[in-house]
Protein backbone atom coordinates (compact mmCIF):
# COMPACT_ATOMS: atom_id res chain seq x y z
CA THR A 1 -139.40 54.06 -297.76
CA ASP A 2 -138.95 52.74 -294.25
CA LEU A 3 -137.14 49.61 -295.51
CA VAL A 4 -134.56 51.73 -297.29
CA LYS A 5 -133.98 54.07 -294.38
CA ARG A 6 -133.73 51.18 -291.92
CA SER A 7 -131.34 49.27 -294.21
CA VAL A 8 -129.08 52.30 -294.54
CA ALA A 9 -129.09 52.85 -290.77
CA ALA A 10 -128.26 49.18 -290.11
CA GLU A 11 -125.40 49.18 -292.64
CA ILE A 12 -123.97 52.29 -291.01
CA LEU A 13 -124.26 50.66 -287.58
CA LEU A 14 -122.59 47.43 -288.68
CA ASN A 15 -119.63 49.49 -289.89
CA VAL A 16 -119.55 51.57 -286.70
CA ILE A 17 -119.57 48.40 -284.59
CA ALA A 18 -117.20 46.12 -286.48
CA GLY A 19 -116.09 47.67 -289.77
CA GLU A 20 -112.42 47.65 -290.72
CA SER A 21 -112.02 51.22 -289.48
CA SER A 22 -113.70 50.53 -286.12
CA GLU A 23 -111.94 50.43 -282.76
CA LEU A 24 -113.38 46.97 -282.11
CA TYR A 25 -111.97 45.51 -285.31
CA GLU A 26 -108.54 46.97 -284.56
CA GLU A 27 -108.63 45.59 -281.01
CA LEU A 28 -109.75 42.10 -282.08
CA TYR A 29 -107.30 41.89 -284.97
CA ASN A 30 -104.29 43.23 -283.05
CA SER A 31 -104.95 40.88 -280.13
CA GLY A 32 -105.12 37.90 -282.49
CA LEU A 33 -108.75 37.09 -281.67
CA ILE A 34 -109.68 37.29 -285.37
CA ASN A 35 -107.47 36.73 -288.37
CA ARG A 36 -109.31 38.81 -290.99
CA ALA A 37 -112.11 41.31 -291.36
CA ILE A 38 -115.43 40.70 -289.69
CA GLY A 39 -118.06 40.14 -292.33
CA THR A 40 -121.26 42.03 -291.67
CA ASP A 41 -124.63 41.89 -293.38
CA TYR A 42 -128.12 43.25 -292.93
CA THR A 43 -131.15 41.82 -294.68
CA CYS A 44 -134.43 43.66 -294.47
CA GLU A 45 -137.65 42.38 -295.99
CA GLU A 46 -141.27 43.38 -295.44
CA ASN A 47 -141.89 40.74 -292.74
CA TYR A 48 -138.46 40.12 -291.23
CA ALA A 49 -134.95 41.45 -290.88
CA HIS A 50 -131.64 40.23 -289.51
CA SER A 51 -128.09 41.38 -289.12
CA SER A 52 -125.05 39.15 -288.96
CA PHE A 53 -121.41 39.21 -288.01
CA SER A 54 -119.12 36.50 -289.39
CA PHE A 55 -115.53 35.91 -288.42
CA GLU A 56 -112.87 33.27 -287.89
CA SER A 57 -111.58 32.84 -284.36
CA ASN A 58 -110.20 30.27 -281.95
CA ASN A 59 -112.07 32.07 -279.17
CA VAL A 60 -115.60 32.66 -280.45
CA ASP A 61 -117.09 33.42 -277.03
CA GLU A 62 -114.63 36.21 -276.35
CA VAL A 63 -115.22 37.82 -279.75
CA VAL A 64 -119.01 37.59 -279.33
CA ASN A 65 -118.76 39.11 -275.87
CA LYS A 66 -116.64 41.98 -277.18
CA ILE A 67 -119.14 42.65 -279.99
CA LYS A 68 -121.99 42.66 -277.46
CA GLU A 69 -120.01 44.96 -275.14
CA LYS A 70 -119.38 47.38 -278.01
CA ILE A 71 -123.08 47.45 -278.87
CA GLU A 72 -123.98 48.12 -275.21
CA VAL A 73 -121.45 50.96 -274.98
CA LEU A 74 -122.91 52.53 -278.13
CA LYS A 75 -126.44 52.19 -276.76
CA GLN A 76 -125.41 53.81 -273.46
CA ASN A 77 -123.10 56.55 -274.75
CA GLY A 78 -124.61 57.29 -278.15
CA LEU A 79 -122.88 57.50 -281.50
CA ASP A 80 -120.06 59.81 -282.55
CA GLU A 81 -121.33 62.23 -285.21
CA ASN A 82 -117.94 62.38 -286.97
CA VAL A 83 -117.73 58.59 -287.22
CA LEU A 84 -121.29 58.44 -288.55
CA ASN A 85 -120.59 61.05 -291.20
CA ARG A 86 -117.39 59.31 -292.31
CA ILE A 87 -119.14 55.96 -292.64
CA LYS A 88 -122.17 57.48 -294.37
CA LYS A 89 -119.86 59.01 -296.98
CA MET A 90 -117.97 55.75 -297.45
CA LEU A 91 -121.16 53.67 -297.89
CA TYR A 92 -122.69 56.30 -300.16
CA GLY A 93 -119.58 56.16 -302.34
CA GLU A 94 -119.74 52.36 -302.46
CA TYR A 95 -123.41 52.51 -303.44
CA VAL A 96 -122.79 55.04 -306.22
CA LYS A 97 -119.86 52.93 -307.45
CA LEU A 98 -122.26 50.01 -308.02
CA PHE A 99 -123.67 51.97 -310.93
CA ASN A 100 -120.38 51.58 -312.85
CA ASP A 101 -121.13 47.89 -313.43
CA ALA A 102 -124.17 46.79 -315.46
CA THR A 103 -124.43 43.45 -313.64
CA SER A 104 -124.48 45.16 -310.25
CA VAL A 105 -127.10 47.64 -311.44
CA ALA A 106 -129.31 44.84 -312.71
CA ARG A 107 -128.95 42.85 -309.48
CA VAL A 108 -129.75 45.87 -307.30
CA PHE A 109 -132.70 47.01 -309.41
CA VAL A 110 -134.27 43.54 -309.63
CA ASN A 111 -133.81 42.88 -305.92
CA ASP A 112 -135.31 46.25 -305.02
CA TYR A 113 -138.14 45.90 -307.55
CA PHE A 114 -139.42 42.76 -305.83
CA LYS A 115 -139.35 44.60 -302.51
CA GLY A 116 -141.32 47.48 -304.00
CA ILE A 117 -138.35 49.84 -303.59
CA ASN A 118 -137.03 52.49 -305.95
CA SER A 119 -133.26 51.91 -305.93
CA PHE A 120 -132.61 55.64 -306.07
CA ASN A 121 -134.27 56.08 -302.66
CA TYR A 122 -131.00 54.88 -301.12
CA VAL A 123 -129.28 58.03 -302.35
CA ASP A 124 -131.79 60.19 -300.50
CA ALA A 125 -131.57 58.02 -297.39
CA TYR A 126 -127.78 58.44 -297.17
CA LYS A 127 -128.18 62.20 -297.48
CA THR A 128 -131.04 62.66 -295.01
CA ILE A 129 -130.60 60.00 -292.32
CA ASP A 130 -129.68 61.47 -288.96
CA LYS A 131 -128.00 60.40 -285.74
CA ALA A 132 -131.26 60.19 -283.75
CA TYR A 133 -132.79 57.73 -286.21
CA ILE A 134 -129.62 55.61 -286.36
CA GLU A 135 -129.54 55.44 -282.55
CA GLU A 136 -133.20 54.36 -282.55
CA VAL A 137 -132.37 51.55 -285.01
CA LEU A 138 -129.39 50.56 -282.85
CA LYS A 139 -131.69 49.92 -279.90
CA GLU A 140 -134.28 48.04 -281.97
CA VAL A 141 -132.11 45.93 -284.26
CA PHE A 142 -129.39 44.86 -281.82
CA ASP A 143 -131.58 43.21 -279.21
CA PHE A 144 -129.70 40.39 -277.47
CA ASP A 145 -132.93 38.63 -276.51
CA ASN A 146 -133.39 37.85 -280.20
CA MET A 147 -129.79 36.86 -280.89
CA VAL A 148 -128.70 33.54 -282.34
CA LEU A 149 -125.13 32.26 -282.30
CA SER A 150 -124.07 29.75 -284.90
CA VAL A 151 -120.57 28.26 -284.75
CA VAL A 152 -119.13 26.24 -287.60
CA VAL A 153 -116.27 24.00 -286.52
CA PRO A 154 -114.17 22.35 -289.23
CA GLU A 155 -114.11 18.59 -289.22
CA LYS A 156 -110.81 17.20 -288.05
CA ASN A 157 -109.28 14.39 -290.11
């Protein structure tokens, strides 16, 4: 289904942009702008979808700007086929590994059932999704006009 294909493309993109093997993550971590991995998530339902990046930083604006710059560079220059294939294989392996745990299987199947999705469609999506489609999703999903920034600041005692 379209939801499955779009979800797979978005997960690949989140890893390309800010995954632990990305250039951006390495740059942000080595420069001390973040102190751990950037959490990423994509939620896709029938009537809405959103992606998120979460991180800890003393300089939120700089990290946000670097994420936005990375997205713009990817939109302008396109995606590296080798990077896409590596991340597709990694995510596919993670998805297949879910089936080793009964609780994970139940959670995935129930969640997908209520979306009208066959959970096994993800397997096909990982195998058939191509660079052109992922680049199309990049331009649609990562639209800065629809971006929201939420900053949580700890209360000081």
